[in-house]
Amino acid sequence: MRKIFIRNVNAITPFRIIENAGIIIEGKKIAEIGKIDDIKIDDEDYQFFDFDGMFAVPGFIDLHVHGGLGFGFEDEDDEALLKISEFYFQHGTTGLLATLYPKPEKEFIRELRRIADFIEQNNSNIWGIHLEGPFLNPEEKGAMNPDYLLKPSLESWHNLRDAGRGYIKIMTIAPELPGAYEVMRDAALDGVILSIGHSVADIEEIQMAIHNGAAHVTHMFNAMKPFHHRDPGVITGSLLFDELKIELIADGIHVHPMVMKLLYKIKGPAGIILITDATRMAGMPDGEFEFAGQRVIVKNKKAFLEDGTLAGSTLTMEQAVKVMVELVDVPITSAVRMASLNPARVLGKEHSKGILATGKDADIVVLDKNFNVQLTIYEGEIKYKRD
């Protein structure tokens, strides 16, 4: 059995900070956590890590990510999936959903089957799939290719559902589209989390969406109509209804820091889920890339189409936490919670993931004071250690 002792960290549980803490890992679980002076062990049996006051946090969970390090989930080989997995372990992400954008149905189905096979065959940080479409409104297509957007139908949904073999965890859908509620009800009964996104729904349609299973909002403020005080829509519904948890791309590009402050004031630390919406451009230098069959330009960490439309991000989760703490003035406990426990709750994994406590899975990330990842442990196994 693997036995690891992490010493001299400030452990963010994430509800509180245990200063000068020690964390004992035995096998896949946290066996003990507390003040270092209160922990007694047999020195000979443990692998020791001493971090001199750095932060130990629960592993990050990213519910919306398309790729990284030059690779995308649409790439047709397992090597790409392994590279994406390794890249995000290096950035502290111990759980993620492979997010797929719309494409021709046969390609979509082939992609779903390939990723489902990979998840079944590998104990990695790729836990499932987020379908960002294909039932999206062309009026708010964002960086999606409109040629591949579909009108909601049970037949199309069942084809995708069957190919995903239970690994589709979230589906982004525009509820105002004809046939959407029927698809939403069917997917909700299968345990899929319905997320409102790429939508021009009005406030009544948002309420109906909640009645039909919606519990989530995709990349808040992006690919939705601007706020209007006489024409309330997705933004108003997202802020007003506590049933809806919202995704936030906290890169300081997609949403201004002052708007993020307002968002935090309204939704609080329990209502926001940090995501990256990162594409294959994450971890890559400036240049030209491809997304959804379209040319994407990356300049100064900003990814955009030729017409200026933002096309995903180059963000990683430790950077998102840093932005929330340093630019939005959110307590580090809340920022970590939004990147770990909140998404774990969306997936129904809060009893084992997203929290540092005895008996929980040993998914632990150590960050230095500049939020650089020093160590990533996933289910008790060291996945990354900075040289």
Protein backbone atom coordinates (compact mmCIF):
# COMPACT_ATOMS: atom_id res chain seq x y z
CA MET A 1 0.00 0.00 0.00
CA ARG A 2 1.27 3.46 -0.93
CA LYS A 3 1.83 5.67 2.10
CA ILE A 4 2.52 9.38 1.66
CA PHE A 5 2.96 12.14 4.24
CA ILE A 6 2.56 15.75 3.07
CA ARG A 7 3.92 18.13 5.72
CA ASN A 8 3.96 21.85 6.49
CA VAL A 9 1.16 22.97 4.19
CA ASN A 10 -1.78 25.28 4.64
CA ALA A 11 -4.58 22.85 3.85
CA ILE A 12 -7.69 24.41 2.28
CA THR A 13 -10.47 21.93 2.96
CA PRO A 14 -12.09 24.13 1.21
CA PHE A 15 -14.38 25.40 4.00
CA ARG A 16 -11.48 26.40 6.23
CA ILE A 17 -7.71 26.63 6.29
CA ILE A 18 -5.69 24.28 8.51
CA GLU A 19 -2.40 26.09 8.98
CA ASN A 20 0.84 24.13 9.38
CA ALA A 21 -1.00 20.97 8.45
CA GLY A 22 -0.06 17.40 7.70
CA ILE A 23 -1.91 15.03 5.39
CA ILE A 24 -1.44 11.26 5.52
CA ILE A 25 -2.38 9.22 2.46
CA GLU A 26 -2.75 5.46 2.63
CA GLY A 27 -3.63 3.72 -0.62
CA LYS A 28 -6.23 5.80 -2.45
CA LYS A 29 -7.60 7.62 0.60
CA ILE A 30 -6.76 10.41 2.99
CA ALA A 31 -6.08 8.57 6.25
CA GLU A 32 -5.54 11.62 8.47
CA ILE A 33 -5.41 15.39 8.22
CA GLY A 34 -4.74 17.98 10.90
CA LYS A 35 -2.14 20.11 12.61
CA ILE A 36 1.33 18.68 12.02
CA ASP A 37 2.03 18.49 15.75
CA ASP A 38 -1.02 16.28 16.27
CA ILE A 39 -0.01 13.65 13.73
CA LYS A 40 2.19 10.75 14.86
CA ILE A 41 3.52 8.22 12.36
CA ASP A 42 6.21 5.59 11.81
CA ASP A 43 8.81 7.50 9.75
CA GLU A 44 10.12 4.46 7.92
CA ASP A 45 6.92 3.61 6.07
CA TYR A 46 6.12 6.91 4.35
CA GLN A 47 7.18 8.92 1.35
CA PHE A 48 7.62 12.45 2.66
CA PHE A 49 6.92 15.79 1.00
CA ASP A 50 7.65 19.02 2.84
CA PHE A 51 6.20 22.20 1.29
CA ASP A 52 7.08 24.94 3.76
CA GLY A 53 3.77 26.78 4.01
CA MET A 54 2.40 26.21 0.49
CA PHE A 55 -1.30 25.49 -0.12
CA ALA A 56 -2.74 21.97 -0.28
CA VAL A 57 -6.13 21.96 -1.98
CA PRO A 58 -8.60 19.37 -3.30
CA GLY A 59 -7.93 18.36 -6.88
CA PHE A 60 -9.60 20.65 -9.40
CA ILE A 61 -12.57 19.40 -11.43
CA ASP A 62 -13.21 21.01 -14.83
CA LEU A 63 -16.68 20.36 -16.25
CA HIS A 64 -16.01 22.15 -19.54
CA VAL A 65 -12.74 21.62 -21.44
CA HIS A 66 -12.13 20.81 -25.11
CA GLY A 67 -8.42 19.96 -25.11
CA GLY A 68 -4.95 21.29 -24.45
CA LEU A 69 -1.26 21.23 -25.36
CA GLY A 70 -2.13 21.16 -29.06
CA PHE A 71 -4.53 18.20 -28.73
CA GLY A 72 -8.33 18.11 -28.84
CA PHE A 73 -10.86 15.50 -27.80
CA GLU A 74 -11.87 15.28 -31.43
CA ASP A 75 -8.42 13.92 -32.41
CA GLU A 76 -8.82 10.35 -33.56
CA ASP A 77 -6.33 8.48 -31.38
CA ASP A 78 -5.88 7.59 -27.73
CA GLU A 79 -2.47 9.25 -27.65
CA ALA A 80 -4.21 12.63 -27.87
CA LEU A 81 -6.44 11.74 -24.90
CA LEU A 82 -3.42 10.62 -22.87
CA LYS A 83 -1.58 13.86 -23.66
CA ILE A 84 -4.61 15.96 -22.64
CA SER A 85 -4.92 13.96 -19.42
CA GLU A 86 -1.23 14.45 -18.57
CA PHE A 87 -1.36 18.17 -19.37
CA TYR A 88 -4.25 18.77 -16.98
CA PHE A 89 -2.68 16.71 -14.20
CA GLN A 90 0.26 19.10 -14.51
CA HIS A 91 -2.18 21.96 -13.89
CA GLY A 92 -3.91 20.35 -10.91
CA THR A 93 -7.03 19.04 -12.63
CA THR A 94 -7.80 15.60 -11.24
CA GLY A 95 -11.21 15.30 -12.89
CA LEU A 96 -12.61 16.68 -16.15
CA LEU A 97 -15.35 16.22 -18.70
CA ALA A 98 -14.29 15.87 -22.33
CA THR A 99 -16.37 18.61 -23.94
CA LEU A 100 -17.44 17.97 -27.52
CA TYR A 101 -18.71 20.56 -29.98
CA PRO A 102 -21.24 19.82 -32.77
CA LYS A 103 -20.11 18.10 -35.94
CA PRO A 104 -21.70 15.77 -38.52
CA GLU A 105 -23.71 13.14 -36.66
CA LYS A 106 -21.64 10.14 -37.79
CA GLU A 107 -18.46 11.86 -36.61
CA PHE A 108 -20.12 12.82 -33.35
CA ILE A 109 -21.18 9.23 -32.68
CA ARG A 110 -17.74 7.86 -33.56
CA GLU A 111 -16.15 10.40 -31.21
CA LEU A 112 -18.48 9.50 -28.36
CA ARG A 113 -17.75 5.79 -28.73
CA ARG A 114 -13.99 6.38 -28.81
CA ILE A 115 -14.01 8.52 -25.66
CA ALA A 116 -16.32 6.08 -23.86
CA ASP A 117 -13.88 3.28 -24.72
CA PHE A 118 -10.98 5.33 -23.36
CA ILE A 119 -12.75 6.09 -20.08
CA GLU A 120 -13.59 2.42 -19.58
CA GLN A 121 -10.03 1.31 -20.26
CA ASN A 122 -8.10 4.01 -18.36
CA ASN A 123 -8.26 5.23 -14.76
CA SER A 124 -7.53 8.82 -15.75
CA ASN A 125 -8.81 12.27 -14.91
CA ILE A 126 -11.18 12.07 -17.90
CA TRP A 127 -14.36 11.08 -16.06
CA GLY A 128 -17.04 11.67 -18.64
CA ILE A 129 -18.40 13.78 -21.47
CA HIS A 130 -20.02 17.19 -21.76
CA LEU A 131 -22.02 17.59 -24.97
CA GLU A 132 -21.93 21.28 -25.88
CA GLY A 133 -24.71 20.82 -28.40
CA PRO A 134 -25.80 19.93 -30.99
CA PHE A 135 -29.15 21.42 -29.88
CA LEU A 136 -27.99 25.04 -29.77
CA ASN A 137 -29.57 28.23 -31.09
CA PRO A 138 -27.77 29.54 -34.21
CA GLU A 139 -28.50 33.11 -33.02
CA GLU A 140 -26.01 32.55 -30.19
CA LYS A 141 -23.70 30.06 -31.86
CA GLY A 142 -20.55 31.68 -30.49
CA ALA A 143 -17.60 29.81 -32.01
CA MET A 144 -19.73 26.80 -33.01
CA ASN A 145 -20.06 25.89 -36.67
CA PRO A 146 -23.74 26.57 -37.50
CA ASP A 147 -23.73 23.89 -40.20
CA TYR A 148 -23.75 21.19 -37.52
CA LEU A 149 -26.42 22.53 -35.15
CA LEU A 150 -29.56 20.38 -35.00
CA LYS A 151 -33.17 20.87 -34.02
CA PRO A 152 -33.87 18.86 -30.86
CA SER A 153 -35.36 15.42 -31.47
CA LEU A 154 -35.52 12.27 -29.41
CA GLU A 155 -34.08 10.27 -32.31
CA SER A 156 -30.95 12.42 -32.55
CA TRP A 157 -30.56 12.51 -28.76
CA HIS A 158 -30.95 8.73 -28.45
CA ASN A 159 -28.29 8.17 -31.11
CA LEU A 160 -25.85 10.31 -29.12
CA ARG A 161 -26.92 8.87 -25.77
CA ASP A 162 -26.45 5.29 -26.92
CA ALA A 163 -22.99 6.04 -28.32
CA GLY A 164 -21.97 7.66 -25.02
CA ARG A 165 -22.87 4.53 -23.01
CA GLY A 166 -23.66 6.39 -19.81
CA TYR A 167 -20.63 8.69 -19.89
CA ILE A 168 -22.54 11.78 -21.04
CA LYS A 169 -22.74 13.72 -17.78
CA ILE A 170 -23.76 17.20 -18.99
CA MET A 171 -25.51 18.42 -22.14
CA THR A 172 -25.72 22.09 -23.10
CA ILE A 173 -29.01 22.85 -24.81
CA ALA A 174 -31.04 25.91 -25.87
CA PRO A 175 -34.43 25.27 -24.22
CA GLU A 176 -36.37 27.68 -26.44
CA LEU A 177 -35.89 25.46 -29.51
CA PRO A 178 -38.96 23.43 -30.57
CA GLY A 179 -38.70 19.92 -29.14
CA ALA A 180 -36.10 20.87 -26.52
CA TYR A 181 -38.23 20.16 -23.45
CA GLU A 182 -39.00 16.64 -24.60
CA VAL A 183 -35.29 15.93 -25.12
CA MET A 184 -34.46 17.53 -21.77
CA ARG A 185 -36.96 15.39 -19.87
CA ASP A 186 -35.66 12.23 -21.51
CA ALA A 187 -32.03 13.12 -20.80
CA ALA A 188 -32.81 14.15 -17.21
CA LEU A 189 -34.42 10.77 -16.59
CA ASP A 190 -31.13 9.22 -17.71
CA GLY A 191 -29.25 11.28 -15.10
CA VAL A 192 -27.78 13.82 -17.52
CA ILE A 193 -27.32 17.34 -16.11
CA LEU A 194 -29.04 19.82 -18.44
CA SER A 195 -27.20 23.10 -18.94
CA ILE A 196 -28.75 26.17 -20.56
CA GLY A 197 -26.40 27.67 -23.12
CA HIS A 198 -26.01 29.17 -26.60
CA SER A 199 -29.55 30.36 -26.01
CA VAL A 200 -31.90 33.32 -26.46
CA ALA A 201 -34.53 31.93 -24.06
CA ASP A 202 -36.79 34.40 -22.31
CA ILE A 203 -37.50 34.26 -18.58
CA GLU A 204 -40.63 32.10 -18.98
CA GLU A 205 -38.68 29.62 -21.09
CA ILE A 206 -35.96 29.52 -18.43
CA GLN A 207 -38.55 28.66 -15.79
CA MET A 208 -39.93 25.93 -18.03
CA ALA A 209 -36.41 24.65 -18.60
CA ILE A 210 -35.94 24.30 -14.83
CA HIS A 211 -39.23 22.40 -14.62
CA ASN A 212 -37.88 20.09 -17.32
CA GLY A 213 -34.55 19.34 -15.66
CA ALA A 214 -32.22 22.28 -16.24
CA ALA A 215 -29.85 22.80 -13.31
CA HIS A 216 -26.79 24.41 -14.88
CA VAL A 217 -25.80 27.35 -17.11
CA THR A 218 -22.98 27.13 -19.65
CA HIS A 219 -20.19 29.78 -19.56
CA MET A 220 -22.15 32.59 -17.93
CA PHE A 221 -22.56 35.81 -19.97
CA ASN A 222 -21.09 34.18 -23.10
CA ALA A 223 -23.27 33.01 -26.02
CA MET A 224 -26.40 34.54 -24.48
CA LYS A 225 -28.26 37.82 -24.97
CA PRO A 226 -26.98 40.78 -22.91
CA PHE A 227 -28.90 41.73 -19.79
CA HIS A 228 -31.94 43.92 -20.45
CA HIS A 229 -34.20 45.27 -17.73
CA ARG A 230 -37.37 45.05 -19.86
CA ASP A 231 -36.57 41.79 -21.61
CA PRO A 232 -35.26 39.31 -19.01
CA GLY A 233 -33.60 36.21 -20.39
CA VAL A 234 -30.87 33.70 -19.58
CA ILE A 235 -28.74 36.14 -17.58
CA THR A 236 -31.65 37.24 -15.38
CA GLY A 237 -32.78 33.65 -14.86
CA SER A 238 -29.24 32.52 -14.03
CA LEU A 239 -28.91 35.20 -11.36
CA LEU A 240 -32.45 34.90 -10.02
CA PHE A 241 -33.08 31.17 -9.72
CA ASP A 242 -31.07 29.32 -7.09
CA GLU A 243 -31.69 26.01 -8.86
CA LEU A 244 -29.24 27.09 -11.56
CA LYS A 245 -25.51 26.71 -10.91
CA ILE A 246 -23.42 28.74 -13.31
CA GLU A 247 -20.17 28.06 -15.13
CA LEU A 248 -17.65 30.90 -15.07
CA ILE A 249 -14.58 31.24 -17.30
CA ALA A 250 -12.41 33.18 -14.87
CA ASP A 251 -9.65 34.32 -17.21
CA GLY A 252 -10.38 38.07 -17.01
CA ILE A 253 -11.09 38.01 -20.76
CA HIS A 254 -14.50 36.37 -21.08
CA VAL A 255 -15.95 38.26 -18.11
CA HIS A 256 -14.63 41.50 -16.62
CA PRO A 257 -13.37 41.15 -13.01
CA MET A 258 -15.88 43.72 -11.74
CA VAL A 259 -18.72 41.72 -13.30
CA MET A 260 -17.30 38.59 -11.67
CA LYS A 261 -17.45 40.46 -8.34
CA LEU A 262 -21.13 41.19 -8.94
CA LEU A 263 -21.69 37.56 -9.89
CA TYR A 264 -20.05 36.35 -6.69
CA LYS A 265 -22.09 38.80 -4.63
CA ILE A 266 -25.34 37.45 -6.10
CA LYS A 267 -24.66 33.71 -6.48
CA GLY A 268 -22.19 33.28 -3.63
CA PRO A 269 -19.53 30.58 -3.25
CA ALA A 270 -22.04 27.73 -3.65
CA GLY A 271 -23.57 28.92 -6.93
CA ILE A 272 -20.51 29.31 -9.15
CA ILE A 273 -18.46 26.60 -10.85
CA LEU A 274 -15.12 27.58 -12.32
CA ILE A 275 -14.42 26.12 -15.74
CA THR A 276 -11.75 26.73 -18.36
CA ASP A 277 -13.56 26.13 -21.69
CA ALA A 278 -9.97 25.51 -22.79
CA THR A 279 -9.28 24.26 -26.30
CA ARG A 280 -6.22 22.67 -27.86
CA MET A 281 -4.64 26.13 -27.71
CA ALA A 282 -4.14 25.90 -23.92
CA GLY A 283 -0.45 25.51 -23.15
CA MET A 284 0.55 26.56 -26.65
CA PRO A 285 2.32 29.71 -27.88
CA ASP A 286 0.57 32.42 -29.88
CA GLY A 287 -0.33 31.34 -33.38
CA GLU A 288 -3.09 30.00 -35.62
CA PHE A 289 -5.15 26.94 -34.75
CA GLU A 290 -8.44 25.24 -35.66
CA PHE A 291 -11.68 24.88 -33.71
CA ALA A 292 -14.94 23.40 -35.07
CA GLY A 293 -13.55 23.59 -38.59
CA GLN A 294 -12.76 27.30 -38.24
CA ARG A 295 -9.52 29.28 -38.09
CA VAL A 296 -8.65 30.49 -34.60
CA ILE A 297 -6.01 33.08 -33.73
CA VAL A 298 -4.29 33.07 -30.32
CA LYS A 299 -2.66 36.30 -29.20
CA ASN A 300 -1.68 37.22 -25.64
CA LYS A 301 -3.60 34.18 -24.29
CA LYS A 302 -6.80 35.29 -26.06
CA ALA A 303 -8.32 32.89 -28.64
CA PHE A 304 -10.70 34.30 -31.24
CA LEU A 305 -12.15 33.69 -34.71
CA GLU A 306 -11.28 35.97 -37.62
CA ASP A 307 -14.41 38.05 -36.91
CA GLY A 308 -13.27 38.61 -33.30
CA THR A 309 -15.63 36.08 -31.66
CA LEU A 310 -14.00 34.45 -28.64
CA ALA A 311 -13.27 30.77 -29.32
CA GLY A 312 -12.81 29.00 -26.01
CA SER A 313 -9.83 29.87 -23.85
CA THR A 314 -6.23 29.03 -23.04
CA LEU A 315 -7.00 28.97 -19.31
CA THR A 316 -6.03 26.29 -16.77
CA MET A 317 -7.75 25.80 -13.42
CA GLU A 318 -4.98 26.99 -11.13
CA GLN A 319 -4.94 30.23 -13.13
CA ALA A 320 -8.71 30.53 -12.73
CA VAL A 321 -8.36 30.21 -8.95
CA LYS A 322 -5.59 32.82 -9.00
CA VAL A 323 -7.76 35.27 -10.95
CA MET A 324 -10.63 34.84 -8.49
CA VAL A 325 -8.33 35.51 -5.52
CA GLU A 326 -6.18 38.29 -6.96
CA LEU A 327 -8.51 40.14 -9.36
CA VAL A 328 -11.94 39.40 -7.92
CA ASP A 329 -10.95 39.51 -4.22
CA VAL A 330 -12.66 36.22 -3.42
CA PRO A 331 -11.38 34.36 -0.32
CA ILE A 332 -9.09 31.52 -1.32
CA THR A 333 -11.40 29.05 0.40
CA SER A 334 -14.28 30.13 -1.85
CA ALA A 335 -12.15 30.16 -5.01
CA VAL A 336 -10.93 26.62 -4.30
CA ARG A 337 -14.47 25.48 -3.51
CA MET A 338 -15.69 26.77 -6.88
CA ALA A 339 -12.96 24.72 -8.60
CA SER A 340 -13.35 21.50 -6.63
CA LEU A 341 -16.30 20.76 -4.35
CA ASN A 342 -18.93 22.63 -6.40
CA PRO A 343 -18.24 20.69 -9.62
CA ALA A 344 -17.96 17.47 -7.58
CA ARG A 345 -21.50 18.14 -6.33
CA VAL A 346 -22.77 18.64 -9.88
CA LEU A 347 -21.48 15.15 -10.71
CA GLY A 348 -22.75 13.62 -7.46
CA LYS A 349 -19.22 12.91 -6.26
CA GLU A 350 -19.11 15.22 -3.23
CA HIS A 351 -18.91 12.31 -0.80
CA SER A 352 -15.50 11.28 -2.15
CA LYS A 353 -14.13 14.15 -4.25
CA GLY A 354 -13.58 17.89 -3.91
CA ILE A 355 -12.79 18.00 -0.19
CA LEU A 356 -9.83 17.31 2.09
CA ALA A 357 -11.01 15.10 4.94
CA THR A 358 -10.30 11.68 6.37
CA GLY A 359 -11.85 8.94 4.25
CA LYS A 360 -12.09 11.04 1.07
CA ASP A 361 -10.22 10.17 -2.10
CA ALA A 362 -6.62 11.40 -2.02
CA ASP A 363 -7.03 13.88 -4.89
CA ILE A 364 -4.68 16.61 -3.70
CA VAL A 365 -2.87 19.50 -5.37
CA VAL A 366 -0.09 21.56 -3.80
CA LEU A 367 0.20 25.19 -4.98
CA ASP A 368 2.95 27.66 -4.20
CA LYS A 369 2.14 31.22 -3.18
CA ASN A 370 1.95 32.23 -6.88
CA PHE A 371 -0.56 29.42 -7.55
CA ASN A 372 1.91 27.30 -9.53
CA VAL A 373 1.24 23.57 -9.22
CA GLN A 374 4.01 21.76 -7.35
CA LEU A 375 2.40 18.34 -6.88
CA THR A 376 -0.70 16.53 -8.13
CA ILE A 377 -1.91 13.33 -6.47
CA TYR A 378 -4.85 11.42 -7.89
CA GLU A 379 -6.40 8.64 -5.80
CA GLY A 380 -3.14 8.36 -3.87
CA GLU A 381 -0.92 8.17 -6.96
CA ILE A 382 1.57 10.92 -7.79
CA LYS A 383 0.64 12.18 -11.27
CA TYR A 384 2.90 15.24 -11.40
CA LYS A 385 5.72 16.69 -9.39
CA ARG A 386 7.40 19.90 -10.39
CA ASP A 387 11.19 19.60 -10.71
